[in-house]
Amino acid sequence: MKPLILRVPVALGALLAATLLTYAQLRPQEEPAPRLKRSQIEAILKDDHKKSLEDATVMLKLSEELKMELEKGGTHTLSLSALKKAEEIEKLAKRIRGRLRRF
């Protein structure tokens, strides 16, 4: 008769293997993403460029407004609108960066 110490890891290993096998069988098989044609990529890049230019224009306007508000305010004051503009500028910058990193 084998000692109990040796049977426990073998039983746990068998249980783990059975669980992993069952999970692999139940998990839906992922289909590979369809490859885009060069013309589709070009169209996406062109659209992304247009959107990035629009966002950069809005970001420039917001940054100028933010600068004016900061110059108008004191050293220890912060307006809520200045904070919202800074957050919007950050959001636009992240959106542009995401588009630039896409391909």
PDB file of N, CA and C in Angstrom:
ATOM      1  N   MET A   1       0.843  -1.175   0.000  1.00  0.00           N
ATOM      2  CA  MET A   1       0.000   0.000   0.000  1.00  0.00           C
ATOM      3  C   MET A   1       0.891   1.242   0.000  1.00  0.00           C
ATOM      4  N   LYS A   2       0.565   2.231  -0.897  1.00  0.00           N
ATOM      5  CA  LYS A   2       1.351   3.454  -0.996  1.00  0.00           C
ATOM      6  C   LYS A   2       0.974   4.395   0.137  1.00  0.00           C
ATOM      7  N   PRO A   3       1.936   5.172   0.572  1.00  0.00           N
ATOM      8  CA  PRO A   3       1.612   6.140   1.622  1.00  0.00           C
ATOM      9  C   PRO A   3       0.642   7.199   1.095  1.00  0.00           C
ATOM     10  N   LEU A   4      -0.125   7.753   1.985  1.00  0.00           N
ATOM     11  CA  LEU A   4      -1.130   8.760   1.642  1.00  0.00           C
ATOM     12  C   LEU A   4      -0.500  10.014   1.041  1.00  0.00           C
ATOM     13  N   ILE A   5       0.716  10.320   1.424  1.00  0.00           N
ATOM     14  CA  ILE A   5       1.390  11.529   0.959  1.00  0.00           C
ATOM     15  C   ILE A   5       1.590  11.482  -0.552  1.00  0.00           C
ATOM     16  N   LEU A   6       1.870  10.337  -1.127  1.00  0.00           N
ATOM     17  CA  LEU A   6       2.107  10.222  -2.563  1.00  0.00           C
ATOM     18  C   LEU A   6       0.805  10.208  -3.353  1.00  0.00           C
ATOM     19  N   ARG A   7      -0.273   9.702  -2.767  1.00  0.00           N
ATOM     20  CA  ARG A   7      -1.530   9.618  -3.495  1.00  0.00           C
ATOM     21  C   ARG A   7      -2.210  10.976  -3.660  1.00  0.00           C
ATOM     22  N   VAL A   8      -2.059  11.880  -2.738  1.00  0.00           N
ATOM     23  CA  VAL A   8      -2.735  13.175  -2.791  1.00  0.00           C
ATOM     24  C   VAL A   8      -2.250  14.006  -3.982  1.00  0.00           C
ATOM     25  N   PRO A   9      -0.909  14.182  -4.199  1.00  0.00           N
ATOM     26  CA  PRO A   9      -0.494  14.972  -5.361  1.00  0.00           C
ATOM     27  C   PRO A   9      -0.893  14.337  -6.687  1.00  0.00           C
ATOM     28  N   VAL A  10      -0.893  13.029  -6.767  1.00  0.00           N
ATOM     29  CA  VAL A  10      -1.299  12.361  -8.002  1.00  0.00           C
ATOM     30  C   VAL A  10      -2.775  12.604  -8.262  1.00  0.00           C
ATOM     31  N   ALA A  11      -3.582  12.514  -7.220  1.00  0.00           N
ATOM     32  CA  ALA A  11      -5.011  12.756  -7.370  1.00  0.00           C
ATOM     33  C   ALA A  11      -5.278  14.210  -7.754  1.00  0.00           C
ATOM     34  N   LEU A  12      -4.564  15.136  -7.137  1.00  0.00           N
ATOM     35  CA  LEU A  12      -4.747  16.544  -7.482  1.00  0.00           C
ATOM     36  C   LEU A  12      -4.310  16.822  -8.915  1.00  0.00           C
ATOM     37  N   GLY A  13      -3.226  16.201  -9.346  1.00  0.00           N
ATOM     38  CA  GLY A  13      -2.752  16.365 -10.718  1.00  0.00           C
ATOM     39  C   GLY A  13      -3.768  15.837 -11.716  1.00  0.00           C
ATOM     40  N   ALA A  14      -4.351  14.684 -11.421  1.00  0.00           N
ATOM     41  CA  ALA A  14      -5.360  14.109 -12.307  1.00  0.00           C
ATOM     42  C   ALA A  14      -6.603  14.991 -12.359  1.00  0.00           C
ATOM     43  N   LEU A  15      -6.996  15.515 -11.211  1.00  0.00           N
ATOM     44  CA  LEU A  15      -8.154  16.403 -11.162  1.00  0.00           C
ATOM     45  C   LEU A  15      -7.896  17.690 -11.946  1.00  0.00           C
ATOM     46  N   LEU A  16      -6.704  18.249 -11.814  1.00  0.00           N
ATOM     47  CA  LEU A  16      -6.340  19.454 -12.551  1.00  0.00           C
ATOM     48  C   LEU A  16      -6.330  19.187 -14.049  1.00  0.00           C
ATOM     49  N   ALA A  17      -5.768  18.067 -14.473  1.00  0.00           N
ATOM     50  CA  ALA A  17      -5.719  17.729 -15.895  1.00  0.00           C
ATOM     51  C   ALA A  17      -7.127  17.555 -16.455  1.00  0.00           C
ATOM     52  N   ALA A  18      -8.011  16.897 -15.711  1.00  0.00           N
ATOM     53  CA  ALA A  18      -9.380  16.691 -16.166  1.00  0.00           C
ATOM     54  C   ALA A  18     -10.125  18.031 -16.275  1.00  0.00           C
ATOM     55  N   THR A  19      -9.885  18.910 -15.317  1.00  0.00           N
ATOM     56  CA  THR A  19     -10.534  20.220 -15.334  1.00  0.00           C
ATOM     57  C   THR A  19     -10.072  21.036 -16.532  1.00  0.00           C
ATOM     58  N   LEU A  20      -8.765  21.054 -16.786  1.00  0.00           N
ATOM     59  CA  LEU A  20      -8.235  21.800 -17.919  1.00  0.00           C
ATOM     60  C   LEU A  20      -8.726  21.243 -19.245  1.00  0.00           C
ATOM     61  N   LEU A  21      -8.818  19.929 -19.357  1.00  0.00           N
ATOM     62  CA  LEU A  21      -9.302  19.302 -20.581  1.00  0.00           C
ATOM     63  C   LEU A  21     -10.763  19.671 -20.825  1.00  0.00           C
ATOM     64  N   THR A  22     -11.567  19.638 -19.779  1.00  0.00           N
ATOM     65  CA  THR A  22     -12.974  19.997 -19.895  1.00  0.00           C
ATOM     66  C   THR A  22     -13.122  21.470 -20.289  1.00  0.00           C
ATOM     67  N   TYR A  23     -12.321  22.352 -19.683  1.00  0.00           N
ATOM     68  CA  TYR A  23     -12.379  23.776 -20.004  1.00  0.00           C
ATOM     69  C   TYR A  23     -12.002  24.018 -21.462  1.00  0.00           C
ATOM     70  N   ALA A  24     -10.966  23.323 -21.935  1.00  0.00           N
ATOM     71  CA  ALA A  24     -10.517  23.508 -23.318  1.00  0.00           C
ATOM     72  C   ALA A  24     -11.596  23.050 -24.297  1.00  0.00           C
ATOM     73  N   GLN A  25     -12.342  22.034 -23.938  1.00  0.00           N
ATOM     74  CA  GLN A  25     -13.382  21.528 -24.829  1.00  0.00           C
ATOM     75  C   GLN A  25     -14.618  22.425 -24.814  1.00  0.00           C
ATOM     76  N   LEU A  26     -14.923  23.029 -23.684  1.00  0.00           N
ATOM     77  CA  LEU A  26     -16.117  23.856 -23.572  1.00  0.00           C
ATOM     78  C   LEU A  26     -15.906  25.274 -24.080  1.00  0.00           C
ATOM     79  N   ARG A  27     -14.664  25.751 -24.050  1.00  0.00           N
ATOM     80  CA  ARG A  27     -14.372  27.121 -24.479  1.00  0.00           C
ATOM     81  C   ARG A  27     -14.604  27.245 -25.983  1.00  0.00           C
ATOM     82  N   PRO A  28     -15.324  28.277 -26.402  1.00  0.00           N
ATOM     83  CA  PRO A  28     -15.552  28.427 -27.840  1.00  0.00           C
ATOM     84  C   PRO A  28     -14.229  28.685 -28.564  1.00  0.00           C
ATOM     85  N   GLN A  29     -14.094  28.072 -29.693  1.00  0.00           N
ATOM     86  CA  GLN A  29     -12.879  28.240 -30.481  1.00  0.00           C
ATOM     87  C   GLN A  29     -12.885  29.617 -31.122  1.00  0.00           C
ATOM     88  N   GLU A  30     -11.783  30.319 -30.975  1.00  0.00           N
ATOM     89  CA  GLU A  30     -11.676  31.657 -31.538  1.00  0.00           C
ATOM     90  C   GLU A  30     -11.274  31.564 -32.998  1.00  0.00           C
ATOM     91  N   GLU A  31     -12.003  32.300 -33.803  1.00  0.00           N
ATOM     92  CA  GLU A  31     -11.658  32.345 -35.215  1.00  0.00           C
ATOM     93  C   GLU A  31     -10.638  33.451 -35.421  1.00  0.00           C
ATOM     94  N   PRO A  32      -9.680  33.244 -36.291  1.00  0.00           N
ATOM     95  CA  PRO A  32      -8.701  34.307 -36.529  1.00  0.00           C
ATOM     96  C   PRO A  32      -9.382  35.532 -37.144  1.00  0.00           C
ATOM     97  N   ALA A  33      -8.900  36.679 -36.758  1.00  0.00           N
ATOM     98  CA  ALA A  33      -9.475  37.920 -37.286  1.00  0.00           C
ATOM     99  C   ALA A  33      -9.201  38.010 -38.778  1.00  0.00           C
ATOM    100  N   PRO A  34     -10.197  38.428 -39.538  1.00  0.00           N
ATOM    101  CA  PRO A  34      -9.967  38.532 -40.988  1.00  0.00           C
ATOM    102  C   PRO A  34      -8.936  39.611 -41.285  1.00  0.00           C
ATOM    103  N   ARG A  35      -8.091  39.329 -42.246  1.00  0.00           N
ATOM    104  CA  ARG A  35      -7.067  40.290 -42.635  1.00  0.00           C
ATOM    105  C   ARG A  35      -7.688  41.378 -43.503  1.00  0.00           C
ATOM    106  N   LEU A  36      -7.279  42.591 -43.257  1.00  0.00           N
ATOM    107  CA  LEU A  36      -7.807  43.708 -44.023  1.00  0.00           C
ATOM    108  C   LEU A  36      -7.017  43.878 -45.315  1.00  0.00           C
ATOM    109  N   LYS A  37      -7.725  44.314 -46.327  1.00  0.00           N
ATOM    110  CA  LYS A  37      -7.059  44.598 -47.595  1.00  0.00           C
ATOM    111  C   LYS A  37      -6.361  45.942 -47.488  1.00  0.00           C
ATOM    112  N   ARG A  38      -5.395  46.142 -48.361  1.00  0.00           N
ATOM    113  CA  ARG A  38      -4.619  47.391 -48.337  1.00  0.00           C
ATOM    114  C   ARG A  38      -5.524  48.609 -48.527  1.00  0.00           C
ATOM    115  N   SER A  39      -6.509  48.498 -49.400  1.00  0.00           N
ATOM    116  CA  SER A  39      -7.412  49.632 -49.630  1.00  0.00           C
ATOM    117  C   SER A  39      -8.244  49.938 -48.380  1.00  0.00           C
ATOM    118  N   GLN A  40      -8.617  48.894 -47.633  1.00  0.00           N
ATOM    119  CA  GLN A  40      -9.368  49.109 -46.400  1.00  0.00           C
ATOM    120  C   GLN A  40      -8.503  49.802 -45.351  1.00  0.00           C
ATOM    121  N   ILE A  41      -7.244  49.380 -45.255  1.00  0.00           N
ATOM    122  CA  ILE A  41      -6.324  49.999 -44.307  1.00  0.00           C
ATOM    123  C   ILE A  41      -6.112  51.464 -44.660  1.00  0.00           C
ATOM    124  N   GLU A  42      -5.945  51.735 -45.954  1.00  0.00           N
ATOM    125  CA  GLU A  42      -5.760  53.126 -46.402  1.00  0.00           C
ATOM    126  C   GLU A  42      -6.974  53.974 -46.057  1.00  0.00           C
ATOM    127  N   ALA A  43      -8.178  53.424 -46.245  1.00  0.00           N
ATOM    128  CA  ALA A  43      -9.396  54.170 -45.931  1.00  0.00           C
ATOM    129  C   ALA A  43      -9.491  54.446 -44.426  1.00  0.00           C
ATOM    130  N   ILE A  44      -9.137  53.466 -43.617  1.00  0.00           N
ATOM    131  CA  ILE A  44      -9.162  53.641 -42.163  1.00  0.00           C
ATOM    132  C   ILE A  44      -8.151  54.703 -41.738  1.00  0.00           C
ATOM    133  N   LEU A  45      -6.945  54.628 -42.303  1.00  0.00           N
ATOM    134  CA  LEU A  45      -5.910  55.601 -41.959  1.00  0.00           C
ATOM    135  C   LEU A  45      -6.307  57.021 -42.372  1.00  0.00           C
ATOM    136  N   LYS A  46      -6.933  57.142 -43.544  1.00  0.00           N
ATOM    137  CA  LYS A  46      -7.377  58.455 -44.017  1.00  0.00           C
ATOM    138  C   LYS A  46      -8.443  59.033 -43.087  1.00  0.00           C
ATOM    139  N   ASP A  47      -9.387  58.190 -42.674  1.00  0.00           N
ATOM    140  CA  ASP A  47     -10.438  58.622 -41.763  1.00  0.00           C
ATOM    141  C   ASP A  47      -9.852  58.976 -40.392  1.00  0.00           C
ATOM    142  N   ASP A  48      -8.919  58.163 -39.917  1.00  0.00           N
ATOM    143  CA  ASP A  48      -8.266  58.448 -38.634  1.00  0.00           C
ATOM    144  C   ASP A  48      -7.515  59.774 -38.679  1.00  0.00           C
ATOM    145  N   HIS A  49      -6.850  60.036 -39.793  1.00  0.00           N
ATOM    146  CA  HIS A  49      -6.110  61.293 -39.937  1.00  0.00           C
ATOM    147  C   HIS A  49      -7.062  62.488 -39.871  1.00  0.00           C
ATOM    148  N   LYS A  50      -8.193  62.368 -40.554  1.00  0.00           N
ATOM    149  CA  LYS A  50      -9.184  63.446 -40.557  1.00  0.00           C
ATOM    150  C   LYS A  50      -9.724  63.685 -39.142  1.00  0.00           C
ATOM    151  N   LYS A  51     -10.059  62.610 -38.433  1.00  0.00           N
ATOM    152  CA  LYS A  51     -10.569  62.738 -37.067  1.00  0.00           C
ATOM    153  C   LYS A  51      -9.516  63.305 -36.133  1.00  0.00           C
ATOM    154  N   SER A  52      -8.256  62.894 -36.318  1.00  0.00           N
ATOM    155  CA  SER A  52      -7.176  63.400 -35.468  1.00  0.00           C
ATOM    156  C   SER A  52      -6.972  64.893 -35.677  1.00  0.00           C
ATOM    157  N   LEU A  53      -7.073  65.356 -36.924  1.00  0.00           N
ATOM    158  CA  LEU A  53      -6.958  66.793 -37.192  1.00  0.00           C
ATOM    159  C   LEU A  53      -8.090  67.569 -36.538  1.00  0.00           C
ATOM    160  N   GLU A  54      -9.306  67.027 -36.612  1.00  0.00           N
ATOM    161  CA  GLU A  54     -10.442  67.688 -35.978  1.00  0.00           C
ATOM    162  C   GLU A  54     -10.249  67.748 -34.461  1.00  0.00           C
ATOM    163  N   ASP A  55      -9.819  66.636 -33.875  1.00  0.00           N
ATOM    164  CA  ASP A  55      -9.592  66.601 -32.426  1.00  0.00           C
ATOM    165  C   ASP A  55      -8.460  67.548 -32.024  1.00  0.00           C
ATOM    166  N   ALA A  56      -7.418  67.630 -32.846  1.00  0.00           N
ATOM    167  CA  ALA A  56      -6.308  68.535 -32.540  1.00  0.00           C
ATOM    168  C   ALA A  56      -6.763  69.986 -32.591  1.00  0.00           C
ATOM    169  N   THR A  57      -7.664  70.308 -33.507  1.00  0.00           N
ATOM    170  CA  THR A  57      -8.196  71.669 -33.589  1.00  0.00           C
ATOM    171  C   THR A  57      -8.986  72.009 -32.328  1.00  0.00           C
ATOM    172  N   VAL A  58      -9.825  71.080 -31.895  1.00  0.00           N
ATOM    173  CA  VAL A  58     -10.605  71.287 -30.669  1.00  0.00           C
ATOM    174  C   VAL A  58      -9.664  71.393 -29.472  1.00  0.00           C
ATOM    175  N   MET A  59      -8.636  70.543 -29.447  1.00  0.00           N
ATOM    176  CA  MET A  59      -7.686  70.550 -28.346  1.00  0.00           C
ATOM    177  C   MET A  59      -6.926  71.877 -28.285  1.00  0.00           C
ATOM    178  N   LEU A  60      -6.570  72.419 -29.438  1.00  0.00           N
ATOM    179  CA  LEU A  60      -5.879  73.707 -29.487  1.00  0.00           C
ATOM    180  C   LEU A  60      -6.773  74.822 -28.939  1.00  0.00           C
ATOM    181  N   LYS A  61      -8.040  74.821 -29.344  1.00  0.00           N
ATOM    182  CA  LYS A  61      -8.987  75.834 -28.860  1.00  0.00           C
ATOM    183  C   LYS A  61      -9.145  75.731 -27.343  1.00  0.00           C
ATOM    184  N   LEU A  62      -9.301  74.491 -26.852  1.00  0.00           N
ATOM    185  CA  LEU A  62      -9.458  74.297 -25.410  1.00  0.00           C
ATOM    186  C   LEU A  62      -8.208  74.711 -24.642  1.00  0.00           C
ATOM    187  N   SER A  63      -7.049  74.423 -25.200  1.00  0.00           N
ATOM    188  CA  SER A  63      -5.818  74.780 -24.489  1.00  0.00           C
ATOM    189  C   SER A  63      -5.628  76.292 -24.430  1.00  0.00           C
ATOM    190  N   GLU A  64      -6.034  77.002 -25.483  1.00  0.00           N
ATOM    191  CA  GLU A  64      -5.957  78.466 -25.449  1.00  0.00           C
ATOM    192  C   GLU A  64      -6.923  79.038 -24.407  1.00  0.00           C
ATOM    193  N   GLU A  65      -8.132  78.466 -24.337  1.00  0.00           N
ATOM    194  CA  GLU A  65      -9.101  78.907 -23.334  1.00  0.00           C
ATOM    195  C   GLU A  65      -8.593  78.602 -21.926  1.00  0.00           C
ATOM    196  N   LEU A  66      -7.983  77.433 -21.766  1.00  0.00           N
ATOM    197  CA  LEU A  66      -7.446  77.046 -20.464  1.00  0.00           C
ATOM    198  C   LEU A  66      -6.319  77.993 -20.051  1.00  0.00           C
ATOM    199  N   LYS A  67      -5.480  78.356 -20.980  1.00  0.00           N
ATOM    200  CA  LYS A  67      -4.383  79.282 -20.683  1.00  0.00           C
ATOM    201  C   LYS A  67      -4.918  80.630 -20.224  1.00  0.00           C
ATOM    202  N   MET A  68      -5.946  81.120 -20.922  1.00  0.00           N
ATOM    203  CA  MET A  68      -6.535  82.404 -20.536  1.00  0.00           C
ATOM    204  C   MET A  68      -7.139  82.330 -19.138  1.00  0.00           C
ATOM    205  N   GLU A  69      -7.824  81.224 -18.833  1.00  0.00           N
ATOM    206  CA  GLU A  69      -8.425  81.074 -17.507  1.00  0.00           C
ATOM    207  C   GLU A  69      -7.368  81.007 -16.418  1.00  0.00           C
ATOM    208  N   LEU A  70      -6.267  80.316 -16.707  1.00  0.00           N
ATOM    209  CA  LEU A  70      -5.200  80.217 -15.717  1.00  0.00           C
ATOM    210  C   LEU A  70      -4.525  81.566 -15.500  1.00  0.00           C
ATOM    211  N   GLU A  71      -4.353  82.333 -16.568  1.00  0.00           N
ATOM    212  CA  GLU A  71      -3.762  83.670 -16.437  1.00  0.00           C
ATOM    213  C   GLU A  71      -4.694  84.610 -15.689  1.00  0.00           C
ATOM    214  N   LYS A  72      -5.994  84.446 -15.887  1.00  0.00           N
ATOM    215  CA  LYS A  72      -6.993  85.308 -15.259  1.00  0.00           C
ATOM    216  C   LYS A  72      -7.105  85.008 -13.760  1.00  0.00           C
ATOM    217  N   GLY A  73      -6.981  83.753 -13.393  1.00  0.00           N
ATOM    218  CA  GLY A  73      -7.131  83.357 -11.995  1.00  0.00           C
ATOM    219  C   GLY A  73      -5.887  83.653 -11.178  1.00  0.00           C
ATOM    220  N   GLY A  74      -6.018  83.523  -9.875  1.00  0.00           N
ATOM    221  CA  GLY A  74      -4.894  83.750  -8.974  1.00  0.00           C
ATOM    222  C   GLY A  74      -4.027  82.500  -8.863  1.00  0.00           C
ATOM    223  N   THR A  75      -2.995  82.622  -8.049  1.00  0.00           N
ATOM    224  CA  THR A  75      -2.075  81.488  -7.906  1.00  0.00           C
ATOM    225  C   THR A  75      -2.676  80.339  -7.113  1.00  0.00           C
ATOM    226  N   HIS A  76      -3.609  80.645  -6.227  1.00  0.00           N
ATOM    227  CA  HIS A  76      -4.190  79.599  -5.383  1.00  0.00           C
ATOM    228  C   HIS A  76      -5.645  79.288  -5.732  1.00  0.00           C
ATOM    229  N   THR A  77      -6.084  79.702  -6.903  1.00  0.00           N
ATOM    230  CA  THR A  77      -7.464  79.432  -7.291  1.00  0.00           C
ATOM    231  C   THR A  77      -7.487  78.514  -8.503  1.00  0.00           C
ATOM    232  N   LEU A  78      -8.496  77.700  -8.537  1.00  0.00           N
ATOM    233  CA  LEU A  78      -8.690  76.781  -9.657  1.00  0.00           C
ATOM    234  C   LEU A  78     -10.175  76.752  -9.969  1.00  0.00           C
ATOM    235  N   SER A  79     -10.517  77.125 -11.176  1.00  0.00           N
ATOM    236  CA  SER A  79     -11.929  77.108 -11.538  1.00  0.00           C
ATOM    237  C   SER A  79     -12.317  75.709 -12.001  1.00  0.00           C
ATOM    238  N   LEU A  80     -13.561  75.397 -11.792  1.00  0.00           N
ATOM    239  CA  LEU A  80     -14.069  74.090 -12.189  1.00  0.00           C
ATOM    240  C   LEU A  80     -14.036  73.939 -13.707  1.00  0.00           C
ATOM    241  N   SER A  81     -14.299  75.022 -14.417  1.00  0.00           N
ATOM    242  CA  SER A  81     -14.277  74.950 -15.877  1.00  0.00           C
ATOM    243  C   SER A  81     -12.859  74.710 -16.396  1.00  0.00           C
ATOM    244  N   ALA A  82     -11.846  75.259 -15.719  1.00  0.00           N
ATOM    245  CA  ALA A  82     -10.460  75.021 -16.123  1.00  0.00           C
ATOM    246  C   ALA A  82     -10.115  73.544 -15.936  1.00  0.00           C
ATOM    247  N   LEU A  83     -10.569  72.961 -14.855  1.00  0.00           N
ATOM    248  CA  LEU A  83     -10.321  71.542 -14.607  1.00  0.00           C
ATOM    249  C   LEU A  83     -11.007  70.673 -15.659  1.00  0.00           C
ATOM    250  N   LYS A  84     -12.237  71.022 -16.006  1.00  0.00           N
ATOM    251  CA  LYS A  84     -12.958  70.266 -17.031  1.00  0.00           C
ATOM    252  C   LYS A  84     -12.288  70.390 -18.390  1.00  0.00           C
ATOM    253  N   LYS A  85     -11.777  71.567 -18.707  1.00  0.00           N
ATOM    254  CA  LYS A  85     -11.076  71.754 -19.977  1.00  0.00           C
ATOM    255  C   LYS A  85      -9.787  70.936 -20.015  1.00  0.00           C
ATOM    256  N   ALA A  86      -9.078  70.900 -18.905  1.00  0.00           N
ATOM    257  CA  ALA A  86      -7.847  70.103 -18.838  1.00  0.00           C
ATOM    258  C   ALA A  86      -8.155  68.618 -19.027  1.00  0.00           C
ATOM    259  N   GLU A  87      -9.242  68.144 -18.429  1.00  0.00           N
ATOM    260  CA  GLU A  87      -9.639  66.743 -18.594  1.00  0.00           C
ATOM    261  C   GLU A  87     -10.047  66.446 -20.034  1.00  0.00           C
ATOM    262  N   GLU A  88     -10.745  67.376 -20.658  1.00  0.00           N
ATOM    263  CA  GLU A  88     -11.156  67.193 -22.055  1.00  0.00           C
ATOM    264  C   GLU A  88      -9.934  67.176 -22.979  1.00  0.00           C
ATOM    265  N   ILE A  89      -8.950  68.036 -22.702  1.00  0.00           N
ATOM    266  CA  ILE A  89      -7.713  68.041 -23.489  1.00  0.00           C
ATOM    267  C   ILE A  89      -7.006  66.696 -23.355  1.00  0.00           C
ATOM    268  N   GLU A  90      -6.960  66.178 -22.142  1.00  0.00           N
ATOM    269  CA  GLU A  90      -6.321  64.880 -21.909  1.00  0.00           C
ATOM    270  C   GLU A  90      -7.054  63.764 -22.660  1.00  0.00           C
ATOM    271  N   LYS A  91      -8.371  63.800 -22.631  1.00  0.00           N
ATOM    272  CA  LYS A  91      -9.168  62.785 -23.328  1.00  0.00           C
ATOM    273  C   LYS A  91      -8.924  62.831 -24.838  1.00  0.00           C
ATOM    274  N   LEU A  92      -8.882  64.034 -25.387  1.00  0.00           N
ATOM    275  CA  LEU A  92      -8.623  64.182 -26.821  1.00  0.00           C
ATOM    276  C   LEU A  92      -7.215  63.708 -27.184  1.00  0.00           C
ATOM    277  N   ALA A  93      -6.246  64.027 -26.335  1.00  0.00           N
ATOM    278  CA  ALA A  93      -4.871  63.591 -26.596  1.00  0.00           C
ATOM    279  C   ALA A  93      -4.763  62.072 -26.577  1.00  0.00           C
ATOM    280  N   LYS A  94      -5.437  61.420 -25.652  1.00  0.00           N
ATOM    281  CA  LYS A  94      -5.418  59.950 -25.590  1.00  0.00           C
ATOM    282  C   LYS A  94      -6.096  59.348 -26.815  1.00  0.00           C
ATOM    283  N   ARG A  95      -7.165  59.970 -27.270  1.00  0.00           N
ATOM    284  CA  ARG A  95      -7.872  59.483 -28.450  1.00  0.00           C
ATOM    285  C   ARG A  95      -6.968  59.574 -29.690  1.00  0.00           C
ATOM    286  N   ILE A  96      -6.278  60.698 -29.821  1.00  0.00           N
ATOM    287  CA  ILE A  96      -5.358  60.867 -30.957  1.00  0.00           C
ATOM    288  C   ILE A  96      -4.227  59.848 -30.870  1.00  0.00           C
ATOM    289  N   ARG A  97      -3.657  59.676 -29.684  1.00  0.00           N
ATOM    290  CA  ARG A  97      -2.571  58.713 -29.504  1.00  0.00           C
ATOM    291  C   ARG A  97      -3.036  57.290 -29.848  1.00  0.00           C
ATOM    292  N   GLY A  98      -4.246  56.954 -29.459  1.00  0.00           N
ATOM    293  CA  GLY A  98      -4.785  55.629 -29.778  1.00  0.00           C
ATOM    294  C   GLY A  98      -4.909  55.412 -31.276  1.00  0.00           C
ATOM    295  N   ARG A  99      -5.333  56.440 -31.988  1.00  0.00           N
ATOM    296  CA  ARG A  99      -5.428  56.321 -33.444  1.00  0.00           C
ATOM    297  C   ARG A  99      -4.055  56.174 -34.082  1.00  0.00           C
ATOM    298  N   LEU A 100      -3.074  56.897 -33.555  1.00  0.00           N
ATOM    299  CA  LEU A 100      -1.729  56.825 -34.129  1.00  0.00           C
ATOM    300  C   LEU A 100      -1.086  55.457 -33.904  1.00  0.00           C
ATOM    301  N   ARG A 101      -1.440  54.788 -32.831  1.00  0.00           N
ATOM    302  CA  ARG A 101      -0.854  53.487 -32.511  1.00  0.00           C
ATOM    303  C   ARG A 101      -1.602  52.323 -33.150  1.00  0.00           C
ATOM    304  N   ARG A 102      -2.685  52.559 -33.825  1.00  0.00           N
ATOM    305  CA  ARG A 102      -3.521  51.476 -34.336  1.00  0.00           C
ATOM    306  C   ARG A 102      -2.794  50.557 -35.292  1.00  0.00           C
ATOM    307  N   PHE A 103      -2.080  51.091 -36.256  1.00  0.00           N
ATOM    308  CA  PHE A 103      -1.412  50.244 -37.255  1.00  0.00           C
ATOM    309  C   PHE A 103       0.063  50.343 -37.137  1.00  0.00           C
TER     310      PHE A 103
END
